[in-house]
PDB file of N, CA and C in Angstrom:
ATOM      1  N   MET A   1      24.973   0.997   7.929  1.00  0.00           N
ATOM      2  CA  MET A   1      25.078   2.451   7.942  1.00  0.00           C
ATOM      3  C   MET A   1      23.693   3.053   8.172  1.00  0.00           C
ATOM      4  N   SER A   2      23.668   4.191   8.826  1.00  0.00           N
ATOM      5  CA  SER A   2      22.417   4.870   9.152  1.00  0.00           C
ATOM      6  C   SER A   2      21.957   5.763   7.998  1.00  0.00           C
ATOM      7  N   ILE A   3      21.018   6.597   8.308  1.00  0.00           N
ATOM      8  CA  ILE A   3      20.443   7.537   7.348  1.00  0.00           C
ATOM      9  C   ILE A   3      21.547   8.265   6.584  1.00  0.00           C
ATOM     10  N   VAL A   4      21.299   8.471   5.292  1.00  0.00           N
ATOM     11  CA  VAL A   4      22.221   9.222   4.444  1.00  0.00           C
ATOM     12  C   VAL A   4      21.475  10.437   3.903  1.00  0.00           C
ATOM     13  N   HIS A   5      22.111  11.584   4.001  1.00  0.00           N
ATOM     14  CA  HIS A   5      21.550  12.831   3.484  1.00  0.00           C
ATOM     15  C   HIS A   5      22.279  13.187   2.196  1.00  0.00           C
ATOM     16  N   VAL A   6      21.547  13.762   1.263  1.00  0.00           N
ATOM     17  CA  VAL A   6      22.152  14.220   0.017  1.00  0.00           C
ATOM     18  C   VAL A   6      21.702  15.650  -0.230  1.00  0.00           C
ATOM     19  N   VAL A   7      22.656  16.494  -0.582  1.00  0.00           N
ATOM     20  CA  VAL A   7      22.377  17.852  -1.020  1.00  0.00           C
ATOM     21  C   VAL A   7      22.979  17.964  -2.415  1.00  0.00           C
ATOM     22  N   ALA A   8      22.117  18.057  -3.407  1.00  0.00           N
ATOM     23  CA  ALA A   8      22.568  18.130  -4.800  1.00  0.00           C
ATOM     24  C   ALA A   8      22.291  19.534  -5.329  1.00  0.00           C
ATOM     25  N   VAL A   9      23.330  20.233  -5.710  1.00  0.00           N
ATOM     26  CA  VAL A   9      23.213  21.598  -6.225  1.00  0.00           C
ATOM     27  C   VAL A   9      23.225  21.503  -7.754  1.00  0.00           C
ATOM     28  N   ILE A  10      22.084  21.828  -8.349  1.00  0.00           N
ATOM     29  CA  ILE A  10      21.898  21.697  -9.790  1.00  0.00           C
ATOM     30  C   ILE A  10      21.842  23.091 -10.403  1.00  0.00           C
ATOM     31  N   THR A  11      22.767  23.394 -11.296  1.00  0.00           N
ATOM     32  CA  THR A  11      22.778  24.691 -11.970  1.00  0.00           C
ATOM     33  C   THR A  11      22.511  24.473 -13.450  1.00  0.00           C
ATOM     34  N   ALA A  12      21.422  25.068 -13.903  1.00  0.00           N
ATOM     35  CA  ALA A  12      21.035  24.971 -15.303  1.00  0.00           C
ATOM     36  C   ALA A  12      21.761  26.040 -16.114  1.00  0.00           C
ATOM     37  N   LYS A  13      21.823  25.824 -17.398  1.00  0.00           N
ATOM     38  CA  LYS A  13      22.320  26.878 -18.278  1.00  0.00           C
ATOM     39  C   LYS A  13      21.340  28.042 -18.189  1.00  0.00           C
ATOM     40  N   PRO A  14      21.802  29.265 -18.453  1.00  0.00           N
ATOM     41  CA  PRO A  14      20.929  30.437 -18.319  1.00  0.00           C
ATOM     42  C   PRO A  14      19.580  30.247 -19.031  1.00  0.00           C
ATOM     43  N   GLY A  15      18.524  30.519 -18.285  1.00  0.00           N
ATOM     44  CA  GLY A  15      17.173  30.440 -18.822  1.00  0.00           C
ATOM     45  C   GLY A  15      16.588  29.047 -18.890  1.00  0.00           C
ATOM     46  N   LYS A  16      17.285  28.028 -18.424  1.00  0.00           N
ATOM     47  CA  LYS A  16      16.824  26.642 -18.544  1.00  0.00           C
ATOM     48  C   LYS A  16      16.340  26.025 -17.228  1.00  0.00           C
ATOM     49  N   ARG A  17      16.415  26.779 -16.110  1.00  0.00           N
ATOM     50  CA  ARG A  17      16.062  26.186 -14.825  1.00  0.00           C
ATOM     51  C   ARG A  17      14.631  25.663 -14.799  1.00  0.00           C
ATOM     52  N   ALA A  18      13.684  26.399 -15.307  1.00  0.00           N
ATOM     53  CA  ALA A  18      12.281  25.969 -15.272  1.00  0.00           C
ATOM     54  C   ALA A  18      12.099  24.653 -16.026  1.00  0.00           C
ATOM     55  N   GLU A  19      12.766  24.512 -17.142  1.00  0.00           N
ATOM     56  CA  GLU A  19      12.663  23.292 -17.939  1.00  0.00           C
ATOM     57  C   GLU A  19      13.294  22.092 -17.212  1.00  0.00           C
ATOM     58  N   VAL A  20      14.440  22.316 -16.591  1.00  0.00           N
ATOM     59  CA  VAL A  20      15.085  21.245 -15.825  1.00  0.00           C
ATOM     60  C   VAL A  20      14.226  20.879 -14.618  1.00  0.00           C
ATOM     61  N   LEU A  21      13.692  21.874 -13.931  1.00  0.00           N
ATOM     62  CA  LEU A  21      12.817  21.624 -12.782  1.00  0.00           C
ATOM     63  C   LEU A  21      11.570  20.834 -13.182  1.00  0.00           C
ATOM     64  N   ALA A  22      11.001  21.139 -14.336  1.00  0.00           N
ATOM     65  CA  ALA A  22       9.819  20.409 -14.801  1.00  0.00           C
ATOM     66  C   ALA A  22      10.156  18.931 -15.010  1.00  0.00           C
ATOM     67  N   ALA A  23      11.302  18.655 -15.607  1.00  0.00           N
ATOM     68  CA  ALA A  23      11.727  17.263 -15.804  1.00  0.00           C
ATOM     69  C   ALA A  23      11.980  16.592 -14.456  1.00  0.00           C
ATOM     70  N   PHE A  24      12.588  17.322 -13.527  1.00  0.00           N
ATOM     71  CA  PHE A  24      12.828  16.794 -12.183  1.00  0.00           C
ATOM     72  C   PHE A  24      11.508  16.418 -11.514  1.00  0.00           C
ATOM     73  N   LYS A  25      10.545  17.336 -11.553  1.00  0.00           N
ATOM     74  CA  LYS A  25       9.266  17.116 -10.878  1.00  0.00           C
ATOM     75  C   LYS A  25       8.494  15.940 -11.461  1.00  0.00           C
ATOM     76  N   GLU A  26       8.672  15.657 -12.747  1.00  0.00           N
ATOM     77  CA  GLU A  26       8.036  14.481 -13.357  1.00  0.00           C
ATOM     78  C   GLU A  26       8.549  13.196 -12.721  1.00  0.00           C
ATOM     79  N   ASN A  27       9.779  13.210 -12.286  1.00  0.00           N
ATOM     80  CA  ASN A  27      10.445  12.037 -11.734  1.00  0.00           C
ATOM     81  C   ASN A  27      10.173  11.838 -10.234  1.00  0.00           C
ATOM     82  N   VAL A  28       9.767  12.879  -9.545  1.00  0.00           N
ATOM     83  CA  VAL A  28       9.628  12.832  -8.087  1.00  0.00           C
ATOM     84  C   VAL A  28       8.716  11.704  -7.589  1.00  0.00           C
ATOM     85  N   PRO A  29       7.525  11.520  -8.140  1.00  0.00           N
ATOM     86  CA  PRO A  29       6.673  10.435  -7.618  1.00  0.00           C
ATOM     87  C   PRO A  29       7.309   9.052  -7.755  1.00  0.00           C
ATOM     88  N   ILE A  30       8.061   8.843  -8.812  1.00  0.00           N
ATOM     89  CA  ILE A  30       8.729   7.555  -9.015  1.00  0.00           C
ATOM     90  C   ILE A  30       9.807   7.369  -7.950  1.00  0.00           C
ATOM     91  N   VAL A  31      10.565   8.434  -7.666  1.00  0.00           N
ATOM     92  CA  VAL A  31      11.612   8.355  -6.651  1.00  0.00           C
ATOM     93  C   VAL A  31      11.002   8.144  -5.269  1.00  0.00           C
ATOM     94  N   HIS A  32       9.918   8.847  -4.966  1.00  0.00           N
ATOM     95  CA  HIS A  32       9.271   8.680  -3.665  1.00  0.00           C
ATOM     96  C   HIS A  32       8.821   7.235  -3.434  1.00  0.00           C
ATOM     97  N   ALA A  33       8.512   6.512  -4.504  1.00  0.00           N
ATOM     98  CA  ALA A  33       8.073   5.120  -4.400  1.00  0.00           C
ATOM     99  C   ALA A  33       9.238   4.139  -4.231  1.00  0.00           C
ATOM    100  N   GLU A  34      10.470   4.614  -4.399  1.00  0.00           N
ATOM    101  CA  GLU A  34      11.629   3.737  -4.263  1.00  0.00           C
ATOM    102  C   GLU A  34      11.802   3.279  -2.819  1.00  0.00           C
ATOM    103  N   ASP A  35      12.279   2.049  -2.668  1.00  0.00           N
ATOM    104  CA  ASP A  35      12.585   1.513  -1.352  1.00  0.00           C
ATOM    105  C   ASP A  35      13.685   2.348  -0.703  1.00  0.00           C
ATOM    106  N   GLY A  36      13.448   2.805   0.508  1.00  0.00           N
ATOM    107  CA  GLY A  36      14.455   3.541   1.259  1.00  0.00           C
ATOM    108  C   GLY A  36      14.409   5.044   1.115  1.00  0.00           C
ATOM    109  N   CYS A  37      13.539   5.575   0.261  1.00  0.00           N
ATOM    110  CA  CYS A  37      13.439   7.029   0.095  1.00  0.00           C
ATOM    111  C   CYS A  37      12.655   7.617   1.267  1.00  0.00           C
ATOM    112  N   VAL A  38      13.294   8.516   1.995  1.00  0.00           N
ATOM    113  CA  VAL A  38      12.654   9.193   3.115  1.00  0.00           C
ATOM    114  C   VAL A  38      12.213  10.595   2.694  1.00  0.00           C
ATOM    115  N   GLU A  39      13.053  11.271   1.923  1.00  0.00           N
ATOM    116  CA  GLU A  39      12.774  12.642   1.474  1.00  0.00           C
ATOM    117  C   GLU A  39      13.474  12.867   0.142  1.00  0.00           C
ATOM    118  N   TYR A  40      12.798  13.583  -0.760  1.00  0.00           N
ATOM    119  CA  TYR A  40      13.380  13.882  -2.064  1.00  0.00           C
ATOM    120  C   TYR A  40      12.596  15.043  -2.657  1.00  0.00           C
ATOM    121  N   GLY A  41      13.221  16.204  -2.766  1.00  0.00           N
ATOM    122  CA  GLY A  41      12.509  17.340  -3.323  1.00  0.00           C
ATOM    123  C   GLY A  41      13.432  18.482  -3.676  1.00  0.00           C
ATOM    124  N   ALA A  42      12.961  19.323  -4.573  1.00  0.00           N
ATOM    125  CA  ALA A  42      13.724  20.479  -5.032  1.00  0.00           C
ATOM    126  C   ALA A  42      13.391  21.696  -4.180  1.00  0.00           C
ATOM    127  N   THR A  43      14.402  22.541  -3.957  1.00  0.00           N
ATOM    128  CA  THR A  43      14.230  23.777  -3.204  1.00  0.00           C
ATOM    129  C   THR A  43      14.867  24.930  -3.975  1.00  0.00           C
ATOM    130  N   LEU A  44      14.356  26.127  -3.739  1.00  0.00           N
ATOM    131  CA  LEU A  44      14.859  27.347  -4.373  1.00  0.00           C
ATOM    132  C   LEU A  44      15.222  28.362  -3.296  1.00  0.00           C
ATOM    133  N   ASP A  45      16.005  29.357  -3.677  1.00  0.00           N
ATOM    134  CA  ASP A  45      16.302  30.456  -2.758  1.00  0.00           C
ATOM    135  C   ASP A  45      15.004  31.069  -2.244  1.00  0.00           C
ATOM    136  N   THR A  46      14.947  31.314  -0.946  1.00  0.00           N
ATOM    137  CA  THR A  46      13.806  31.990  -0.340  1.00  0.00           C
ATOM    138  C   THR A  46      13.972  33.490  -0.548  1.00  0.00           C
ATOM    139  N   GLU A  47      12.904  34.142  -0.950  1.00  0.00           N
ATOM    140  CA  GLU A  47      12.937  35.587  -1.180  1.00  0.00           C
ATOM    141  C   GLU A  47      12.766  36.336   0.137  1.00  0.00           C
ATOM    142  N   GLY A  48      13.344  37.524   0.217  1.00  0.00           N
ATOM    143  CA  GLY A  48      13.131  38.417   1.344  1.00  0.00           C
ATOM    144  C   GLY A  48      13.846  38.043   2.628  1.00  0.00           C
ATOM    145  N   VAL A  49      14.877  37.235   2.545  1.00  0.00           N
ATOM    146  CA  VAL A  49      15.583  36.792   3.750  1.00  0.00           C
ATOM    147  C   VAL A  49      16.485  37.886   4.301  1.00  0.00           C
ATOM    148  N   GLY A  50      17.146  38.580   3.424  1.00  0.00           N
ATOM    149  CA  GLY A  50      18.049  39.632   3.879  1.00  0.00           C
ATOM    150  C   GLY A  50      19.498  39.308   3.595  1.00  0.00           C
ATOM    151  N   LYS A  51      20.369  40.134   4.157  1.00  0.00           N
ATOM    152  CA  LYS A  51      21.787  40.078   3.841  1.00  0.00           C
ATOM    153  C   LYS A  51      22.508  38.828   4.341  1.00  0.00           C
ATOM    154  N   PHE A  52      21.982  38.157   5.356  1.00  0.00           N
ATOM    155  CA  PHE A  52      22.714  37.004   5.877  1.00  0.00           C
ATOM    156  C   PHE A  52      22.579  35.761   4.989  1.00  0.00           C
ATOM    157  N   GLN A  53      21.697  35.825   4.017  1.00  0.00           N
ATOM    158  CA  GLN A  53      21.510  34.697   3.107  1.00  0.00           C
ATOM    159  C   GLN A  53      22.543  34.723   1.982  1.00  0.00           C
ATOM    160  N   THR A  54      23.091  33.564   1.673  1.00  0.00           N
ATOM    161  CA  THR A  54      23.911  33.399   0.476  1.00  0.00           C
ATOM    162  C   THR A  54      23.043  32.689  -0.551  1.00  0.00           C
ATOM    163  N   ARG A  55      22.696  33.408  -1.595  1.00  0.00           N
ATOM    164  CA  ARG A  55      21.783  32.862  -2.602  1.00  0.00           C
ATOM    165  C   ARG A  55      22.529  31.949  -3.578  1.00  0.00           C
ATOM    166  N   PHE A  56      21.827  30.928  -4.056  1.00  0.00           N
ATOM    167  CA  PHE A  56      22.368  30.075  -5.109  1.00  0.00           C
ATOM    168  C   PHE A  56      22.224  30.742  -6.471  1.00  0.00           C
ATOM    169  N   GLY A  57      21.160  31.506  -6.670  1.00  0.00           N
ATOM    170  CA  GLY A  57      20.984  32.246  -7.907  1.00  0.00           C
ATOM    171  C   GLY A  57      19.832  31.741  -8.757  1.00  0.00           C
ATOM    172  N   GLU A  58      19.550  32.501  -9.784  1.00  0.00           N
ATOM    173  CA  GLU A  58      18.381  32.272 -10.641  1.00  0.00           C
ATOM    174  C   GLU A  58      18.438  30.992 -11.462  1.00  0.00           C
ATOM    175  N   ASP A  59      19.615  30.468 -11.700  1.00  0.00           N
ATOM    176  CA  ASP A  59      19.740  29.278 -12.545  1.00  0.00           C
ATOM    177  C   ASP A  59      19.892  27.989 -11.732  1.00  0.00           C
ATOM    178  N   THR A  60      19.880  28.096 -10.410  1.00  0.00           N
ATOM    179  CA  THR A  60      20.189  26.950  -9.554  1.00  0.00           C
ATOM    180  C   THR A  60      18.998  26.537  -8.701  1.00  0.00           C
ATOM    181  N   PHE A  61      18.880  25.226  -8.501  1.00  0.00           N
ATOM    182  CA  PHE A  61      17.990  24.693  -7.472  1.00  0.00           C
ATOM    183  C   PHE A  61      18.762  23.626  -6.713  1.00  0.00           C
ATOM    184  N   VAL A  62      18.305  23.341  -5.508  1.00  0.00           N
ATOM    185  CA  VAL A  62      18.991  22.392  -4.644  1.00  0.00           C
ATOM    186  C   VAL A  62      18.031  21.258  -4.310  1.00  0.00           C
ATOM    187  N   VAL A  63      18.492  20.042  -4.551  1.00  0.00           N
ATOM    188  CA  VAL A  63      17.703  18.859  -4.222  1.00  0.00           C
ATOM    189  C   VAL A  63      18.136  18.387  -2.836  1.00  0.00           C
ATOM    190  N   VAL A  64      17.158  18.257  -1.952  1.00  0.00           N
ATOM    191  CA  VAL A  64      17.398  17.770  -0.598  1.00  0.00           C
ATOM    192  C   VAL A  64      16.823  16.356  -0.531  1.00  0.00           C
ATOM    193  N   GLU A  65      17.702  15.407  -0.195  1.00  0.00           N
ATOM    194  CA  GLU A  65      17.306  14.000  -0.158  1.00  0.00           C
ATOM    195  C   GLU A  65      17.671  13.385   1.184  1.00  0.00           C
ATOM    196  N   LYS A  66      16.922  12.358   1.544  1.00  0.00           N
ATOM    197  CA  LYS A  66      17.256  11.554   2.716  1.00  0.00           C
ATOM    198  C   LYS A  66      16.913  10.112   2.363  1.00  0.00           C
ATOM    199  N   TRP A  67      17.887   9.233   2.607  1.00  0.00           N
ATOM    200  CA  TRP A  67      17.741   7.813   2.298  1.00  0.00           C
ATOM    201  C   TRP A  67      17.991   6.986   3.548  1.00  0.00           C
ATOM    202  N   GLU A  68      17.312   5.844   3.662  1.00  0.00           N
ATOM    203  CA  GLU A  68      17.458   4.985   4.839  1.00  0.00           C
ATOM    204  C   GLU A  68      18.886   4.451   4.990  1.00  0.00           C
ATOM    205  N   SER A  69      19.610   4.316   3.864  1.00  0.00           N
ATOM    206  CA  SER A  69      20.981   3.800   3.936  1.00  0.00           C
ATOM    207  C   SER A  69      21.730   4.176   2.661  1.00  0.00           C
ATOM    208  N   LEU A  70      23.031   4.010   2.704  1.00  0.00           N
ATOM    209  CA  LEU A  70      23.860   4.238   1.519  1.00  0.00           C
ATOM    210  C   LEU A  70      23.505   3.251   0.414  1.00  0.00           C
ATOM    211  N   ASP A  71      23.174   2.021   0.781  1.00  0.00           N
ATOM    212  CA  ASP A  71      22.763   1.035  -0.229  1.00  0.00           C
ATOM    213  C   ASP A  71      21.503   1.487  -0.966  1.00  0.00           C
ATOM    214  N   HIS A  72      20.554   2.072  -0.241  1.00  0.00           N
ATOM    215  CA  HIS A  72      19.339   2.594  -0.885  1.00  0.00           C
ATOM    216  C   HIS A  72      19.689   3.729  -1.853  1.00  0.00           C
ATOM    217  N   LEU A  73      20.592   4.617  -1.428  1.00  0.00           N
ATOM    218  CA  LEU A  73      21.012   5.710  -2.306  1.00  0.00           C
ATOM    219  C   LEU A  73      21.688   5.173  -3.557  1.00  0.00           C
ATOM    220  N   LYS A  74      22.571   4.199  -3.395  1.00  0.00           N
ATOM    221  CA  LYS A  74      23.259   3.617  -4.547  1.00  0.00           C
ATOM    222  C   LYS A  74      22.269   2.950  -5.501  1.00  0.00           C
ATOM    223  N   ALA A  75      21.277   2.264  -4.954  1.00  0.00           N
ATOM    224  CA  ALA A  75      20.247   1.643  -5.795  1.00  0.00           C
ATOM    225  C   ALA A  75      19.468   2.710  -6.554  1.00  0.00           C
ATOM    226  N   HIS A  76      19.151   3.802  -5.886  1.00  0.00           N
ATOM    227  CA  HIS A  76      18.456   4.932  -6.536  1.00  0.00           C
ATOM    228  C   HIS A  76      19.268   5.467  -7.710  1.00  0.00           C
ATOM    229  N   ALA A  77      20.558   5.668  -7.484  1.00  0.00           N
ATOM    230  CA  ALA A  77      21.421   6.228  -8.525  1.00  0.00           C
ATOM    231  C   ALA A  77      21.513   5.323  -9.748  1.00  0.00           C
ATOM    232  N   ALA A  78      21.270   4.034  -9.572  1.00  0.00           N
ATOM    233  CA  ALA A  78      21.389   3.069 -10.671  1.00  0.00           C
ATOM    234  C   ALA A  78      20.072   2.784 -11.391  1.00  0.00           C
ATOM    235  N   THR A  79      18.991   3.465 -11.004  1.00  0.00           N
ATOM    236  CA  THR A  79      17.690   3.186 -11.620  1.00  0.00           C
ATOM    237  C   THR A  79      17.605   3.713 -13.047  1.00  0.00           C
ATOM    238  N   SER A  80      16.747   3.076 -13.821  1.00  0.00           N
ATOM    239  CA  SER A  80      16.556   3.502 -15.212  1.00  0.00           C
ATOM    240  C   SER A  80      15.886   4.868 -15.291  1.00  0.00           C
ATOM    241  N   HIS A  81      15.004   5.200 -14.345  1.00  0.00           N
ATOM    242  CA  HIS A  81      14.345   6.509 -14.409  1.00  0.00           C
ATOM    243  C   HIS A  81      15.321   7.647 -14.105  1.00  0.00           C
ATOM    244  N   MET A  82      16.341   7.398 -13.278  1.00  0.00           N
ATOM    245  CA  MET A  82      17.345   8.435 -13.046  1.00  0.00           C
ATOM    246  C   MET A  82      18.257   8.582 -14.265  1.00  0.00           C
ATOM    247  N   ALA A  83      18.562   7.475 -14.928  1.00  0.00           N
ATOM    248  CA  ALA A  83      19.355   7.543 -16.162  1.00  0.00           C
ATOM    249  C   ALA A  83      18.585   8.306 -17.232  1.00  0.00           C
ATOM    250  N   ALA A  84      17.288   8.070 -17.333  1.00  0.00           N
ATOM    251  CA  ALA A  84      16.465   8.770 -18.324  1.00  0.00           C
ATOM    252  C   ALA A  84      16.385  10.264 -18.009  1.00  0.00           C
ATOM    253  N   TYR A  85      16.211  10.603 -16.737  1.00  0.00           N
ATOM    254  CA  TYR A  85      16.189  12.014 -16.325  1.00  0.00           C
ATOM    255  C   TYR A  85      17.527  12.670 -16.667  1.00  0.00           C
ATOM    256  N   GLY A  86      18.620  12.011 -16.333  1.00  0.00           N
ATOM    257  CA  GLY A  86      19.952  12.549 -16.624  1.00  0.00           C
ATOM    258  C   GLY A  86      20.158  12.812 -18.107  1.00  0.00           C
ATOM    259  N   ALA A  87      19.721  11.882 -18.927  1.00  0.00           N
ATOM    260  CA  ALA A  87      19.860  12.049 -20.379  1.00  0.00           C
ATOM    261  C   ALA A  87      18.989  13.203 -20.881  1.00  0.00           C
ATOM    262  N   LYS A  88      17.808  13.343 -20.293  1.00  0.00           N
ATOM    263  CA  LYS A  88      16.870  14.386 -20.718  1.00  0.00           C
ATOM    264  C   LYS A  88      17.395  15.793 -20.427  1.00  0.00           C
ATOM    265  N   VAL A  89      18.077  15.967 -19.285  1.00  0.00           N
ATOM    266  CA  VAL A  89      18.492  17.310 -18.873  1.00  0.00           C
ATOM    267  C   VAL A  89      19.969  17.603 -19.136  1.00  0.00           C
ATOM    268  N   LYS A  90      20.721  16.612 -19.544  1.00  0.00           N
ATOM    269  CA  LYS A  90      22.177  16.735 -19.686  1.00  0.00           C
ATOM    270  C   LYS A  90      22.611  17.995 -20.434  1.00  0.00           C
ATOM    271  N   ASP A  91      22.014  18.280 -21.553  1.00  0.00           N
ATOM    272  CA  ASP A  91      22.425  19.427 -22.372  1.00  0.00           C
ATOM    273  C   ASP A  91      21.926  20.764 -21.828  1.00  0.00           C
ATOM    274  N   MET A  92      21.079  20.721 -20.797  1.00  0.00           N
ATOM    275  CA  MET A  92      20.566  21.955 -20.203  1.00  0.00           C
ATOM    276  C   MET A  92      21.315  22.347 -18.932  1.00  0.00           C
ATOM    277  N   LEU A  93      22.244  21.498 -18.471  1.00  0.00           N
ATOM    278  CA  LEU A  93      22.943  21.756 -17.213  1.00  0.00           C
ATOM    279  C   LEU A  93      24.279  22.444 -17.426  1.00  0.00           C
ATOM    280  N   ALA A  94      24.569  23.394 -16.544  1.00  0.00           N
ATOM    281  CA  ALA A  94      25.879  24.044 -16.509  1.00  0.00           C
ATOM    282  C   ALA A  94      26.780  23.351 -15.489  1.00  0.00           C
ATOM    283  N   ASP A  95      26.158  22.841 -14.391  1.00  0.00           N
ATOM    284  CA  ASP A  95      26.948  22.204 -13.340  1.00  0.00           C
ATOM    285  C   ASP A  95      26.025  21.379 -12.456  1.00  0.00           C
ATOM    286  N   ARG A  96      26.616  20.382 -11.814  1.00  0.00           N
ATOM    287  CA  ARG A  96      25.898  19.540 -10.861  1.00  0.00           C
ATOM    288  C   ARG A  96      26.911  19.106  -9.811  1.00  0.00           C
ATOM    289  N   VAL A  97      26.628  19.421  -8.549  1.00  0.00           N
ATOM    290  CA  VAL A  97      27.503  19.057  -7.441  1.00  0.00           C
ATOM    291  C   VAL A  97      26.665  18.292  -6.432  1.00  0.00           C
ATOM    292  N   ILE A  98      27.120  17.088  -6.077  1.00  0.00           N
ATOM    293  CA  ILE A  98      26.362  16.240  -5.166  1.00  0.00           C
ATOM    294  C   ILE A  98      27.177  15.998  -3.893  1.00  0.00           C
ATOM    295  N   HIS A  99      26.565  16.327  -2.755  1.00  0.00           N
ATOM    296  CA  HIS A  99      27.184  16.109  -1.448  1.00  0.00           C
ATOM    297  C   HIS A  99      26.417  14.990  -0.751  1.00  0.00           C
ATOM    298  N   VAL A 100      27.115  13.930  -0.362  1.00  0.00           N
ATOM    299  CA  VAL A 100      26.514  12.839   0.390  1.00  0.00           C
ATOM    300  C   VAL A 100      27.024  12.938   1.814  1.00  0.00           C
ATOM    301  N   LEU A 101      26.085  13.028   2.772  1.00  0.00           N
ATOM    302  CA  LEU A 101      26.435  13.335   4.153  1.00  0.00           C
ATOM    303  C   LEU A 101      25.847  12.313   5.122  1.00  0.00           C
ATOM    304  N   SER A 102      26.557  12.098   6.216  1.00  0.00           N
ATOM    305  CA  SER A 102      26.088  11.230   7.289  1.00  0.00           C
ATOM    306  C   SER A 102      25.859  12.074   8.533  1.00  0.00           C
ATOM    307  N   PRO A 103      24.961  11.650   9.409  1.00  0.00           N
ATOM    308  CA  PRO A 103      24.735  12.393  10.647  1.00  0.00           C
ATOM    309  C   PRO A 103      26.024  12.508  11.461  1.00  0.00           C
ATOM    310  N   ALA A 104      26.215  13.627  12.087  1.00  0.00           N
ATOM    311  CA  ALA A 104      27.429  13.861  12.905  1.00  0.00           C
ATOM    312  C   ALA A 104      27.295  13.205  14.261  1.00  0.00           C
TER     313      ALA A 104
END
């Protein structure tokens, strides 16, 4: 299988986004060092775009990922540092939606 894209929409409980983002950012260098990681980072709504933008909102951030293969993504999901991150932020999350996509 070719490159795999992931769009993960993370919604924190009200007022908790900064804390969840801080925990996420602590994990980023470890994820970047993983075999097969091409891209991994958090994004926020861009300000001043105008009416054509659909905003995610103040409590949400979106993780944009790219992996060399589905096997690399699966290995990433099974790492101890991702389990630790998940446990750390679990009680601060309102919702988490993960989209795994392949090139068209």
